[in-house]
């Protein structure tokens, strides 16, 4: 005789709890990296001595922005990791998701929190 397997509902609940715990841990890493302030860097114009300059937003971070997005992609795979998230203020998050702030770096650097920079659309 074989014992009955555990109900699928219990397996689903455990998987969901594991994802929630990982998400909480990665949000904490992201918050520690940002120091509690928005991490968005926006092109601030041309400096004669340094080329393009970037200005960091000075507001408090209230939200987490996933750099790897799409339907069914957030909090799965690489998207859940802190290196693919930004700690942002509500205003910048709204502008990023509304396509007002667009990445101004090459495609390979758009998914890394350490290298992504934004440019304001006119």
PDB file of N, CA and C in Angstrom:
ATOM      1  N   UNK A   1       0.827  -1.183   0.000  1.00  0.00           N
ATOM      2  CA  UNK A   1       0.000   0.000   0.000  1.00  0.00           C
ATOM      3  C   UNK A   1       0.881   1.261   0.000  1.00  0.00           C
ATOM      4  N   UNK A   2       0.405   2.233  -0.716  1.00  0.00           N
ATOM      5  CA  UNK A   2       1.083   3.512  -0.768  1.00  0.00           C
ATOM      6  C   UNK A   2       0.258   4.551  -0.023  1.00  0.00           C
ATOM      7  N   UNK A   3       0.917   5.443   0.731  1.00  0.00           N
ATOM      8  CA  UNK A   3       0.146   6.485   1.413  1.00  0.00           C
ATOM      9  C   UNK A   3      -0.360   7.519   0.409  1.00  0.00           C
ATOM     10  N   UNK A   4      -1.408   8.189   0.791  1.00  0.00           N
ATOM     11  CA  UNK A   4      -1.964   9.228  -0.076  1.00  0.00           C
ATOM     12  C   UNK A   4      -0.973  10.389  -0.182  1.00  0.00           C
ATOM     13  N   UNK A   5      -0.861  10.992  -1.355  1.00  0.00           N
ATOM     14  CA  UNK A   5       0.007  12.168  -1.473  1.00  0.00           C
ATOM     15  C   UNK A   5      -0.630  13.373  -0.785  1.00  0.00           C
ATOM     16  N   UNK A   6       0.196  14.345  -0.487  1.00  0.00           N
ATOM     17  CA  UNK A   6      -0.312  15.579   0.130  1.00  0.00           C
ATOM     18  C   UNK A   6      -1.247  16.273  -0.853  1.00  0.00           C
ATOM     19  N   UNK A   7      -2.282  16.933  -0.361  1.00  0.00           N
ATOM     20  CA  UNK A   7      -3.193  17.651  -1.254  1.00  0.00           C
ATOM     21  C   UNK A   7      -2.447  18.738  -2.045  1.00  0.00           C
ATOM     22  N   UNK A   8      -2.821  18.926  -3.298  1.00  0.00           N
ATOM     23  CA  UNK A   8      -2.180  19.927  -4.156  1.00  0.00           C
ATOM     24  C   UNK A   8      -2.329  21.336  -3.589  1.00  0.00           C
ATOM     25  N   UNK A   9      -3.438  21.581  -2.908  1.00  0.00           N
ATOM     26  CA  UNK A   9      -3.664  22.906  -2.333  1.00  0.00           C
ATOM     27  C   UNK A   9      -2.562  23.266  -1.339  1.00  0.00           C
ATOM     28  N   UNK A  10      -2.116  22.281  -0.544  1.00  0.00           N
ATOM     29  CA  UNK A  10      -1.042  22.534   0.414  1.00  0.00           C
ATOM     30  C   UNK A  10       0.269  22.847  -0.306  1.00  0.00           C
ATOM     31  N   UNK A  11       0.532  22.138  -1.417  1.00  0.00           N
ATOM     32  CA  UNK A  11       1.734  22.412  -2.209  1.00  0.00           C
ATOM     33  C   UNK A  11       1.692  23.831  -2.791  1.00  0.00           C
ATOM     34  N   UNK A  12       0.535  24.228  -3.292  1.00  0.00           N
ATOM     35  CA  UNK A  12       0.384  25.573  -3.863  1.00  0.00           C
ATOM     36  C   UNK A  12       0.592  26.648  -2.803  1.00  0.00           C
ATOM     37  N   UNK A  13       0.013  26.418  -1.627  1.00  0.00           N
ATOM     38  CA  UNK A  13       0.171  27.398  -0.533  1.00  0.00           C
ATOM     39  C   UNK A  13       1.633  27.535  -0.123  1.00  0.00           C
ATOM     40  N   UNK A  14       2.341  26.414  -0.062  1.00  0.00           N
ATOM     41  CA  UNK A  14       3.754  26.460   0.305  1.00  0.00           C
ATOM     42  C   UNK A  14       4.567  27.197  -0.746  1.00  0.00           C
ATOM     43  N   UNK A  15       4.296  26.938  -2.021  1.00  0.00           N
ATOM     44  CA  UNK A  15       5.010  27.622  -3.103  1.00  0.00           C
ATOM     45  C   UNK A  15       4.747  29.123  -3.049  1.00  0.00           C
ATOM     46  N   UNK A  16       3.498  29.503  -2.794  1.00  0.00           N
ATOM     47  CA  UNK A  16       3.145  30.928  -2.707  1.00  0.00           C
ATOM     48  C   UNK A  16       3.836  31.590  -1.512  1.00  0.00           C
ATOM     49  N   UNK A  17       3.905  30.875  -0.385  1.00  0.00           N
ATOM     50  CA  UNK A  17       4.572  31.403   0.804  1.00  0.00           C
ATOM     51  C   UNK A  17       6.073  31.551   0.563  1.00  0.00           C
ATOM     52  N   UNK A  18       6.665  30.605  -0.171  1.00  0.00           N
ATOM     53  CA  UNK A  18       8.096  30.680  -0.495  1.00  0.00           C
ATOM     54  C   UNK A  18       8.404  31.904  -1.364  1.00  0.00           C
ATOM     55  N   UNK A  19       7.552  32.159  -2.356  1.00  0.00           N
ATOM     56  CA  UNK A  19       7.732  33.331  -3.223  1.00  0.00           C
ATOM     57  C   UNK A  19       7.578  34.616  -2.407  1.00  0.00           C
ATOM     58  N   UNK A  20       6.592  34.657  -1.515  1.00  0.00           N
ATOM     59  CA  UNK A  20       6.378  35.842  -0.682  1.00  0.00           C
ATOM     60  C   UNK A  20       7.577  36.095   0.236  1.00  0.00           C
ATOM     61  N   UNK A  21       8.156  35.036   0.787  1.00  0.00           N
ATOM     62  CA  UNK A  21       9.323  35.188   1.660  1.00  0.00           C
ATOM     63  C   UNK A  21      10.530  35.689   0.867  1.00  0.00           C
ATOM     64  N   UNK A  22      10.732  35.144  -0.337  1.00  0.00           N
ATOM     65  CA  UNK A  22      11.839  35.586  -1.194  1.00  0.00           C
ATOM     66  C   UNK A  22      11.647  37.045  -1.613  1.00  0.00           C
ATOM     67  N   UNK A  23      10.400  37.416  -1.927  1.00  0.00           N
ATOM     68  CA  UNK A  23      10.094  38.793  -2.315  1.00  0.00           C
ATOM     69  C   UNK A  23      10.405  39.754  -1.168  1.00  0.00           C
ATOM     70  N   UNK A  24      10.014  39.382   0.030  1.00  0.00           N
ATOM     71  CA  UNK A  24      10.266  40.225   1.204  1.00  0.00           C
ATOM     72  C   UNK A  24      11.764  40.409   1.443  1.00  0.00           C
ATOM     73  N   UNK A  25      12.512  39.323   1.289  1.00  0.00           N
ATOM     74  CA  UNK A  25      13.967  39.365   1.480  1.00  0.00           C
ATOM     75  C   UNK A  25      14.633  40.263   0.430  1.00  0.00           C
ATOM     76  N   UNK A  26      14.224  40.116  -0.828  1.00  0.00           N
ATOM     77  CA  UNK A  26      14.818  40.909  -1.908  1.00  0.00           C
ATOM     78  C   UNK A  26      14.425  42.389  -1.817  1.00  0.00           C
ATOM     79  N   UNK A  27      13.209  42.677  -1.349  1.00  0.00           N
ATOM     80  CA  UNK A  27      12.806  44.074  -1.121  1.00  0.00           C
ATOM     81  C   UNK A  27      13.682  44.713  -0.048  1.00  0.00           C
ATOM     82  N   UNK A  28      14.003  43.948   0.979  1.00  0.00           N
ATOM     83  CA  UNK A  28      14.865  44.455   2.051  1.00  0.00           C
ATOM     84  C   UNK A  28      16.265  44.755   1.523  1.00  0.00           C
ATOM     85  N   UNK A  29      16.790  43.892   0.658  1.00  0.00           N
ATOM     86  CA  UNK A  29      18.105  44.125   0.044  1.00  0.00           C
ATOM     87  C   UNK A  29      18.065  45.395  -0.795  1.00  0.00           C
ATOM     88  N   UNK A  30      17.003  45.562  -1.559  1.00  0.00           N
ATOM     89  CA  UNK A  30      16.827  46.734  -2.419  1.00  0.00           C
ATOM     90  C   UNK A  30      16.747  48.008  -1.571  1.00  0.00           C
ATOM     91  N   UNK A  31      15.995  47.946  -0.476  1.00  0.00           N
ATOM     92  CA  UNK A  31      15.839  49.103   0.408  1.00  0.00           C
ATOM     93  C   UNK A  31      17.164  49.469   1.071  1.00  0.00           C
ATOM     94  N   UNK A  32      17.936  48.469   1.462  1.00  0.00           N
ATOM     95  CA  UNK A  32      19.248  48.725   2.075  1.00  0.00           C
ATOM     96  C   UNK A  32      20.190  49.378   1.067  1.00  0.00           C
ATOM     97  N   UNK A  33      20.148  48.918  -0.174  1.00  0.00           N
ATOM     98  CA  UNK A  33      20.999  49.487  -1.223  1.00  0.00           C
ATOM     99  C   UNK A  33      20.646  50.949  -1.494  1.00  0.00           C
ATOM    100  N   UNK A  34      19.362  51.261  -1.492  1.00  0.00           N
ATOM    101  CA  UNK A  34      18.927  52.622  -1.836  1.00  0.00           C
ATOM    102  C   UNK A  34      19.029  53.599  -0.667  1.00  0.00           C
ATOM    103  N   UNK A  35      19.105  53.088   0.534  1.00  0.00           N
ATOM    104  CA  UNK A  35      19.133  53.962   1.698  1.00  0.00           C
ATOM    105  C   UNK A  35      17.780  54.603   1.976  1.00  0.00           C
ATOM    106  N   UNK A  36      16.727  54.059   1.360  1.00  0.00           N
ATOM    107  CA  UNK A  36      15.382  54.587   1.574  1.00  0.00           C
ATOM    108  C   UNK A  36      14.989  55.697   0.618  1.00  0.00           C
ATOM    109  N   UNK A  37      15.882  56.046  -0.306  1.00  0.00           N
ATOM    110  CA  UNK A  37      15.586  57.119  -1.269  1.00  0.00           C
ATOM    111  C   UNK A  37      15.453  56.557  -2.679  1.00  0.00           C
ATOM    112  N   UNK A  38      14.725  57.276  -3.502  1.00  0.00           N
ATOM    113  CA  UNK A  38      14.477  56.881  -4.885  1.00  0.00           C
ATOM    114  C   UNK A  38      15.805  56.707  -5.628  1.00  0.00           C
ATOM    115  N   UNK A  39      15.921  55.624  -6.399  1.00  0.00           N
ATOM    116  CA  UNK A  39      17.162  55.310  -7.111  1.00  0.00           C
ATOM    117  C   UNK A  39      17.160  55.759  -8.576  1.00  0.00           C
ATOM    118  N   UNK A  40      16.134  56.471  -9.000  1.00  0.00           N
ATOM    119  CA  UNK A  40      16.038  56.858 -10.410  1.00  0.00           C
ATOM    120  C   UNK A  40      17.072  57.937 -10.735  1.00  0.00           C
ATOM    121  N   UNK A  41      17.852  57.675 -11.785  1.00  0.00           N
ATOM    122  CA  UNK A  41      18.832  58.629 -12.301  1.00  0.00           C
ATOM    123  C   UNK A  41      18.329  59.141 -13.644  1.00  0.00           C
ATOM    124  N   UNK A  42      18.160  60.461 -13.756  1.00  0.00           N
ATOM    125  CA  UNK A  42      17.619  61.072 -14.971  1.00  0.00           C
ATOM    126  C   UNK A  42      18.697  61.941 -15.608  1.00  0.00           C
ATOM    127  N   UNK A  43      18.782  61.884 -16.938  1.00  0.00           N
ATOM    128  CA  UNK A  43      19.743  62.717 -17.662  1.00  0.00           C
ATOM    129  C   UNK A  43      19.445  64.178 -17.341  1.00  0.00           C
ATOM    130  N   UNK A  44      20.493  64.903 -16.910  1.00  0.00           N
ATOM    131  CA  UNK A  44      20.281  66.296 -16.516  1.00  0.00           C
ATOM    132  C   UNK A  44      20.841  67.289 -17.523  1.00  0.00           C
ATOM    133  N   UNK A  45      21.362  66.815 -18.636  1.00  0.00           N
ATOM    134  CA  UNK A  45      21.885  67.722 -19.654  1.00  0.00           C
ATOM    135  C   UNK A  45      23.348  67.469 -19.922  1.00  0.00           C
ATOM    136  N   UNK A  46      23.948  68.354 -20.670  1.00  0.00           N
ATOM    137  CA  UNK A  46      25.354  68.207 -21.030  1.00  0.00           C
ATOM    138  C   UNK A  46      26.218  69.107 -20.162  1.00  0.00           C
ATOM    139  N   UNK A  47      27.268  68.542 -19.608  1.00  0.00           N
ATOM    140  CA  UNK A  47      28.252  69.303 -18.861  1.00  0.00           C
ATOM    141  C   UNK A  47      29.491  69.389 -19.740  1.00  0.00           C
ATOM    142  N   UNK A  48      30.019  70.577 -19.964  1.00  0.00           N
ATOM    143  CA  UNK A  48      31.164  70.721 -20.852  1.00  0.00           C
ATOM    144  C   UNK A  48      32.368  69.881 -20.441  1.00  0.00           C
ATOM    145  N   UNK A  49      32.562  69.666 -19.151  1.00  0.00           N
ATOM    146  CA  UNK A  49      33.745  68.941 -18.692  1.00  0.00           C
ATOM    147  C   UNK A  49      33.487  67.443 -18.496  1.00  0.00           C
ATOM    148  N   UNK A  50      32.229  67.026 -18.440  1.00  0.00           N
ATOM    149  CA  UNK A  50      31.958  65.626 -18.126  1.00  0.00           C
ATOM    150  C   UNK A  50      30.995  64.944 -19.094  1.00  0.00           C
ATOM    151  N   UNK A  51      30.512  65.609 -20.091  1.00  0.00           N
ATOM    152  CA  UNK A  51      29.539  64.998 -21.001  1.00  0.00           C
ATOM    153  C   UNK A  51      28.158  64.979 -20.378  1.00  0.00           C
ATOM    154  N   UNK A  52      27.441  63.878 -20.542  1.00  0.00           N
ATOM    155  CA  UNK A  52      26.085  63.779 -19.991  1.00  0.00           C
ATOM    156  C   UNK A  52      26.132  63.582 -18.486  1.00  0.00           C
ATOM    157  N   UNK A  53      25.335  64.336 -17.782  1.00  0.00           N
ATOM    158  CA  UNK A  53      25.256  64.199 -16.338  1.00  0.00           C
ATOM    159  C   UNK A  53      23.926  63.589 -15.937  1.00  0.00           C
ATOM    160  N   UNK A  54      23.888  63.004 -14.759  1.00  0.00           N
ATOM    161  CA  UNK A  54      22.673  62.386 -14.262  1.00  0.00           C
ATOM    162  C   UNK A  54      22.338  62.950 -12.893  1.00  0.00           C
ATOM    163  N   UNK A  55      21.049  63.152 -12.660  1.00  0.00           N
ATOM    164  CA  UNK A  55      20.569  63.655 -11.387  1.00  0.00           C
ATOM    165  C   UNK A  55      19.725  62.568 -10.736  1.00  0.00           C
ATOM    166  N   UNK A  56      19.993  62.288  -9.471  1.00  0.00           N
ATOM    167  CA  UNK A  56      19.212  61.294  -8.747  1.00  0.00           C
ATOM    168  C   UNK A  56      18.020  61.975  -8.094  1.00  0.00           C
ATOM    169  N   UNK A  57      16.871  61.318  -8.170  1.00  0.00           N
ATOM    170  CA  UNK A  57      15.661  61.826  -7.526  1.00  0.00           C
ATOM    171  C   UNK A  57      15.915  61.901  -6.014  1.00  0.00           C
ATOM    172  N   UNK A  58      15.372  62.909  -5.360  1.00  0.00           N
ATOM    173  CA  UNK A  58      15.645  63.113  -3.929  1.00  0.00           C
ATOM    174  C   UNK A  58      14.475  62.730  -3.018  1.00  0.00           C
ATOM    175  N   UNK A  59      13.421  62.127  -3.581  1.00  0.00           N
ATOM    176  CA  UNK A  59      12.258  61.747  -2.779  1.00  0.00           C
ATOM    177  C   UNK A  59      12.470  60.406  -2.077  1.00  0.00           C
ATOM    178  N   UNK A  60      11.666  60.164  -1.047  1.00  0.00           N
ATOM    179  CA  UNK A  60      11.710  58.888  -0.329  1.00  0.00           C
ATOM    180  C   UNK A  60      11.131  57.784  -1.208  1.00  0.00           C
ATOM    181  N   UNK A  61      11.734  56.627  -1.172  1.00  0.00           N
ATOM    182  CA  UNK A  61      11.255  55.484  -1.952  1.00  0.00           C
ATOM    183  C   UNK A  61      10.056  54.853  -1.252  1.00  0.00           C
ATOM    184  N   UNK A  62       8.998  54.636  -2.012  1.00  0.00           N
ATOM    185  CA  UNK A  62       7.793  54.025  -1.457  1.00  0.00           C
ATOM    186  C   UNK A  62       7.388  52.772  -2.215  1.00  0.00           C
ATOM    187  N   UNK A  63       7.989  52.547  -3.401  1.00  0.00           N
ATOM    188  CA  UNK A  63       7.583  51.425  -4.239  1.00  0.00           C
ATOM    189  C   UNK A  63       8.806  50.721  -4.818  1.00  0.00           C
ATOM    190  N   UNK A  64       8.581  49.525  -5.310  1.00  0.00           N
ATOM    191  CA  UNK A  64       9.618  48.722  -5.958  1.00  0.00           C
ATOM    192  C   UNK A  64       9.262  48.595  -7.425  1.00  0.00           C
ATOM    193  N   UNK A  65      10.190  48.944  -8.323  1.00  0.00           N
ATOM    194  CA  UNK A  65       9.944  48.825  -9.760  1.00  0.00           C
ATOM    195  C   UNK A  65      10.724  47.640 -10.302  1.00  0.00           C
ATOM    196  N   UNK A  66      10.021  46.724 -10.975  1.00  0.00           N
ATOM    197  CA  UNK A  66      10.657  45.563 -11.590  1.00  0.00           C
ATOM    198  C   UNK A  66      11.192  45.963 -12.957  1.00  0.00           C
ATOM    199  N   UNK A  67      12.484  45.780 -13.174  1.00  0.00           N
ATOM    200  CA  UNK A  67      13.086  46.115 -14.458  1.00  0.00           C
ATOM    201  C   UNK A  67      12.787  45.049 -15.509  1.00  0.00           C
ATOM    202  N   UNK A  68      12.520  43.833 -15.074  1.00  0.00           N
ATOM    203  CA  UNK A  68      12.087  42.770 -15.977  1.00  0.00           C
ATOM    204  C   UNK A  68      10.596  42.610 -15.741  1.00  0.00           C
ATOM    205  N   UNK A  69       9.799  43.036 -16.699  1.00  0.00           N
ATOM    206  CA  UNK A  69       8.355  43.017 -16.513  1.00  0.00           C
ATOM    207  C   UNK A  69       7.640  42.279 -17.618  1.00  0.00           C
ATOM    208  N   UNK A  70       6.352  42.457 -17.633  1.00  0.00           N
ATOM    209  CA  UNK A  70       5.508  41.798 -18.618  1.00  0.00           C
ATOM    210  C   UNK A  70       4.474  40.949 -17.916  1.00  0.00           C
ATOM    211  N   UNK A  71       3.487  40.546 -18.659  1.00  0.00           N
ATOM    212  CA  UNK A  71       2.405  39.754 -18.078  1.00  0.00           C
ATOM    213  C   UNK A  71       2.967  38.411 -17.587  1.00  0.00           C
ATOM    214  N   UNK A  72       2.786  38.153 -16.309  1.00  0.00           N
ATOM    215  CA  UNK A  72       3.222  36.896 -15.724  1.00  0.00           C
ATOM    216  C   UNK A  72       4.719  36.774 -15.485  1.00  0.00           C
ATOM    217  N   UNK A  73       5.475  37.873 -15.565  1.00  0.00           N
ATOM    218  CA  UNK A  73       6.932  37.783 -15.410  1.00  0.00           C
ATOM    219  C   UNK A  73       7.443  38.387 -14.107  1.00  0.00           C
ATOM    220  N   UNK A  74       6.659  39.247 -13.481  1.00  0.00           N
ATOM    221  CA  UNK A  74       7.124  39.860 -12.239  1.00  0.00           C
ATOM    222  C   UNK A  74       7.114  38.830 -11.113  1.00  0.00           C
ATOM    223  N   UNK A  75       8.132  38.912 -10.270  1.00  0.00           N
ATOM    224  CA  UNK A  75       8.318  38.007  -9.130  1.00  0.00           C
ATOM    225  C   UNK A  75       8.499  36.549  -9.547  1.00  0.00           C
ATOM    226  N   UNK A  76       9.009  36.336 -10.753  1.00  0.00           N
ATOM    227  CA  UNK A  76       9.323  34.981 -11.206  1.00  0.00           C
ATOM    228  C   UNK A  76      10.707  34.986 -11.806  1.00  0.00           C
ATOM    229  N   UNK A  77      11.468  33.947 -11.524  1.00  0.00           N
ATOM    230  CA  UNK A  77      12.806  33.829 -12.098  1.00  0.00           C
ATOM    231  C   UNK A  77      13.719  34.970 -11.655  1.00  0.00           C
ATOM    232  N   UNK A  78      14.414  35.581 -12.623  1.00  0.00           N
ATOM    233  CA  UNK A  78      15.366  36.656 -12.319  1.00  0.00           C
ATOM    234  C   UNK A  78      14.679  37.933 -11.856  1.00  0.00           C
ATOM    235  N   UNK A  79      13.415  38.120 -12.206  1.00  0.00           N
ATOM    236  CA  UNK A  79      12.702  39.353 -11.883  1.00  0.00           C
ATOM    237  C   UNK A  79      12.571  39.595 -10.383  1.00  0.00           C
ATOM    238  N   UNK A  80      12.583  38.532  -9.595  1.00  0.00           N
ATOM    239  CA  UNK A  80      12.396  38.678  -8.148  1.00  0.00           C
ATOM    240  C   UNK A  80      13.660  39.179  -7.448  1.00  0.00           C
ATOM    241  N   UNK A  81      14.807  39.058  -8.093  1.00  0.00           N
ATOM    242  CA  UNK A  81      16.078  39.436  -7.471  1.00  0.00           C
ATOM    243  C   UNK A  81      16.239  40.944  -7.355  1.00  0.00           C
ATOM    244  N   UNK A  82      16.916  41.387  -6.303  1.00  0.00           N
ATOM    245  CA  UNK A  82      17.112  42.818  -6.034  1.00  0.00           C
ATOM    246  C   UNK A  82      17.928  43.503  -7.125  1.00  0.00           C
ATOM    247  N   UNK A  83      18.789  42.765  -7.816  1.00  0.00           N
ATOM    248  CA  UNK A  83      19.602  43.385  -8.861  1.00  0.00           C
ATOM    249  C   UNK A  83      18.783  43.755 -10.097  1.00  0.00           C
ATOM    250  N   UNK A  84      17.529  43.290 -10.153  1.00  0.00           N
ATOM    251  CA  UNK A  84      16.640  43.612 -11.263  1.00  0.00           C
ATOM    252  C   UNK A  84      15.448  44.438 -10.795  1.00  0.00           C
ATOM    253  N   UNK A  85      15.635  45.201  -9.707  1.00  0.00           N
ATOM    254  CA  UNK A  85      14.589  46.057  -9.151  1.00  0.00           C
ATOM    255  C   UNK A  85      15.180  47.413  -8.777  1.00  0.00           C
ATOM    256  N   UNK A  86      14.319  48.401  -8.761  1.00  0.00           N
ATOM    257  CA  UNK A  86      14.703  49.725  -8.275  1.00  0.00           C
ATOM    258  C   UNK A  86      13.760  50.116  -7.151  1.00  0.00           C
ATOM    259  N   UNK A  87      14.293  50.750  -6.134  1.00  0.00           N
ATOM    260  CA  UNK A  87      13.491  51.335  -5.071  1.00  0.00           C
ATOM    261  C   UNK A  87      13.157  52.746  -5.539  1.00  0.00           C
ATOM    262  N   UNK A  88      11.881  53.043  -5.778  1.00  0.00           N
ATOM    263  CA  UNK A  88      11.499  54.318  -6.389  1.00  0.00           C
ATOM    264  C   UNK A  88      10.378  55.008  -5.618  1.00  0.00           C
ATOM    265  N   UNK A  89      10.259  56.311  -5.845  1.00  0.00           N
ATOM    266  CA  UNK A  89       9.140  57.071  -5.275  1.00  0.00           C
ATOM    267  C   UNK A  89       7.918  56.858  -6.172  1.00  0.00           C
ATOM    268  N   UNK A  90       6.759  57.194  -5.685  1.00  0.00           N
ATOM    269  CA  UNK A  90       5.526  57.005  -6.447  1.00  0.00           C
ATOM    270  C   UNK A  90       5.503  57.811  -7.732  1.00  0.00           C
ATOM    271  N   UNK A  91       6.037  59.035  -7.690  1.00  0.00           N
ATOM    272  CA  UNK A  91       6.050  59.908  -8.867  1.00  0.00           C
ATOM    273  C   UNK A  91       6.900  59.314  -9.988  1.00  0.00           C
ATOM    274  N   UNK A  92       8.122  58.874  -9.666  1.00  0.00           N
ATOM    275  CA  UNK A  92       9.005  58.290 -10.679  1.00  0.00           C
ATOM    276  C   UNK A  92       8.441  56.971 -11.195  1.00  0.00           C
ATOM    277  N   UNK A  93       7.831  56.174 -10.307  1.00  0.00           N
ATOM    278  CA  UNK A  93       7.258  54.904 -10.738  1.00  0.00           C
ATOM    279  C   UNK A  93       6.137  55.137 -11.743  1.00  0.00           C
ATOM    280  N   UNK A  94       5.324  56.141 -11.479  1.00  0.00           N
ATOM    281  CA  UNK A  94       4.239  56.486 -12.403  1.00  0.00           C
ATOM    282  C   UNK A  94       4.804  56.940 -13.752  1.00  0.00           C
ATOM    283  N   UNK A  95       5.880  57.725 -13.729  1.00  0.00           N
ATOM    284  CA  UNK A  95       6.477  58.204 -14.977  1.00  0.00           C
ATOM    285  C   UNK A  95       7.179  57.086 -15.749  1.00  0.00           C
ATOM    286  N   UNK A  96       7.772  56.130 -15.052  1.00  0.00           N
ATOM    287  CA  UNK A  96       8.431  55.006 -15.727  1.00  0.00           C
ATOM    288  C   UNK A  96       7.382  54.107 -16.374  1.00  0.00           C
ATOM    289  N   UNK A  97       6.348  53.755 -15.626  1.00  0.00           N
ATOM    290  CA  UNK A  97       5.318  52.868 -16.178  1.00  0.00           C
ATOM    291  C   UNK A  97       4.484  53.577 -17.238  1.00  0.00           C
ATOM    292  N   UNK A  98       4.388  54.901 -17.178  1.00  0.00           N
ATOM    293  CA  UNK A  98       3.658  55.678 -18.183  1.00  0.00           C
ATOM    294  C   UNK A  98       4.504  56.049 -19.383  1.00  0.00           C
ATOM    295  N   UNK A  99       5.752  55.562 -19.426  1.00  0.00           N
ATOM    296  CA  UNK A  99       6.683  55.774 -20.549  1.00  0.00           C
ATOM    297  C   UNK A  99       7.084  57.240 -20.734  1.00  0.00           C
ATOM    298  N   UNK A 100       7.019  58.037 -19.657  1.00  0.00           N
ATOM    299  CA  UNK A 100       7.534  59.407 -19.696  1.00  0.00           C
ATOM    300  C   UNK A 100       9.044  59.364 -19.481  1.00  0.00           C
ATOM    301  N   UNK A 101       9.485  58.533 -18.545  1.00  0.00           N
ATOM    302  CA  UNK A 101      10.910  58.278 -18.348  1.00  0.00           C
ATOM    303  C   UNK A 101      11.242  56.977 -19.069  1.00  0.00           C
ATOM    304  N   UNK A 102      12.161  57.048 -20.025  1.00  0.00           N
ATOM    305  CA  UNK A 102      12.548  55.862 -20.797  1.00  0.00           C
ATOM    306  C   UNK A 102      14.041  55.604 -20.597  1.00  0.00           C
ATOM    307  N   UNK A 103      14.456  54.341 -20.558  1.00  0.00           N
ATOM    308  CA  UNK A 103      15.879  54.021 -20.388  1.00  0.00           C
ATOM    309  C   UNK A 103      16.708  54.585 -21.543  1.00  0.00           C
ATOM    310  N   UNK A 104      17.847  55.168 -21.222  1.00  0.00           N
ATOM    311  CA  UNK A 104      18.716  55.749 -22.250  1.00  0.00           C
ATOM    312  C   UNK A 104      20.038  54.991 -22.331  1.00  0.00           C
ATOM    313  N   UNK A 105      20.020  53.732 -21.941  1.00  0.00           N
ATOM    314  CA  UNK A 105      21.212  52.884 -22.032  1.00  0.00           C
ATOM    315  C   UNK A 105      20.921  51.748 -23.004  1.00  0.00           C
ATOM    316  N   UNK A 106      21.967  51.048 -23.440  1.00  0.00           N
ATOM    317  CA  UNK A 106      21.751  49.960 -24.378  1.00  0.00           C
ATOM    318  C   UNK A 106      20.917  48.845 -23.740  1.00  0.00           C
ATOM    319  N   UNK A 107      20.343  48.038 -24.600  1.00  0.00           N
ATOM    320  CA  UNK A 107      19.391  46.996 -24.198  1.00  0.00           C
ATOM    321  C   UNK A 107      19.914  46.081 -23.095  1.00  0.00           C
ATOM    322  N   UNK A 108      21.180  45.720 -23.141  1.00  0.00           N
ATOM    323  CA  UNK A 108      21.738  44.778 -22.169  1.00  0.00           C
ATOM    324  C   UNK A 108      21.824  45.355 -20.763  1.00  0.00           C
ATOM    325  N   UNK A 109      21.843  46.686 -20.617  1.00  0.00           N
ATOM    326  CA  UNK A 109      21.976  47.313 -19.298  1.00  0.00           C
ATOM    327  C   UNK A 109      20.648  47.751 -18.708  1.00  0.00           C
ATOM    328  N   UNK A 110      19.540  47.551 -19.419  1.00  0.00           N
ATOM    329  CA  UNK A 110      18.230  48.000 -18.940  1.00  0.00           C
ATOM    330  C   UNK A 110      17.658  47.145 -17.834  1.00  0.00           C
ATOM    331  N   UNK A 111      18.169  45.943 -17.674  1.00  0.00           N
ATOM    332  CA  UNK A 111      17.634  45.034 -16.666  1.00  0.00           C
ATOM    333  C   UNK A 111      18.447  45.045 -15.379  1.00  0.00           C
ATOM    334  N   UNK A 112      19.539  45.765 -15.330  1.00  0.00           N
ATOM    335  CA  UNK A 112      20.403  45.815 -14.152  1.00  0.00           C
ATOM    336  C   UNK A 112      20.185  47.124 -13.397  1.00  0.00           C
ATOM    337  N   UNK A 113      19.878  47.033 -12.123  1.00  0.00           N
ATOM    338  CA  UNK A 113      19.619  48.225 -11.316  1.00  0.00           C
ATOM    339  C   UNK A 113      20.843  49.130 -11.240  1.00  0.00           C
ATOM    340  N   UNK A 114      22.029  48.556 -11.302  1.00  0.00           N
ATOM    341  CA  UNK A 114      23.259  49.347 -11.169  1.00  0.00           C
ATOM    342  C   UNK A 114      23.570  50.161 -12.417  1.00  0.00           C
ATOM    343  N   UNK A 115      23.000  49.814 -13.563  1.00  0.00           N
ATOM    344  CA  UNK A 115      23.386  50.479 -14.807  1.00  0.00           C
ATOM    345  C   UNK A 115      22.262  51.230 -15.510  1.00  0.00           C
ATOM    346  N   UNK A 116      21.028  51.077 -15.086  1.00  0.00           N
ATOM    347  CA  UNK A 116      19.915  51.715 -15.802  1.00  0.00           C
ATOM    348  C   UNK A 116      19.874  53.221 -15.505  1.00  0.00           C
ATOM    349  N   UNK A 117      19.697  54.004 -16.568  1.00  0.00           N
ATOM    350  CA  UNK A 117      19.573  55.466 -16.491  1.00  0.00           C
ATOM    351  C   UNK A 117      18.354  55.852 -17.330  1.00  0.00           C
ATOM    352  N   UNK A 118      17.703  56.935 -16.973  1.00  0.00           N
ATOM    353  CA  UNK A 118      16.473  57.333 -17.679  1.00  0.00           C
ATOM    354  C   UNK A 118      16.614  58.703 -18.324  1.00  0.00           C
ATOM    355  N   UNK A 119      15.826  58.894 -19.364  1.00  0.00           N
ATOM    356  CA  UNK A 119      15.763  60.157 -20.091  1.00  0.00           C
ATOM    357  C   UNK A 119      14.296  60.550 -20.161  1.00  0.00           C
ATOM    358  N   UNK A 120      13.999  61.829 -19.936  1.00  0.00           N
ATOM    359  CA  UNK A 120      12.617  62.306 -19.970  1.00  0.00           C
ATOM    360  C   UNK A 120      12.202  62.539 -21.424  1.00  0.00           C
ATOM    361  N   UNK A 121      11.072  61.946 -21.799  1.00  0.00           N
ATOM    362  CA  UNK A 121      10.531  62.138 -23.141  1.00  0.00           C
ATOM    363  C   UNK A 121       9.944  63.531 -23.259  1.00  0.00           C
ATOM    364  N   UNK A 122      10.104  64.109 -24.402  1.00  0.00           N
ATOM    365  CA  UNK A 122       9.584  65.468 -24.595  1.00  0.00           C
ATOM    366  C   UNK A 122       8.298  65.455 -25.344  1.00  0.00           C
TER     367      UNK A 122
END
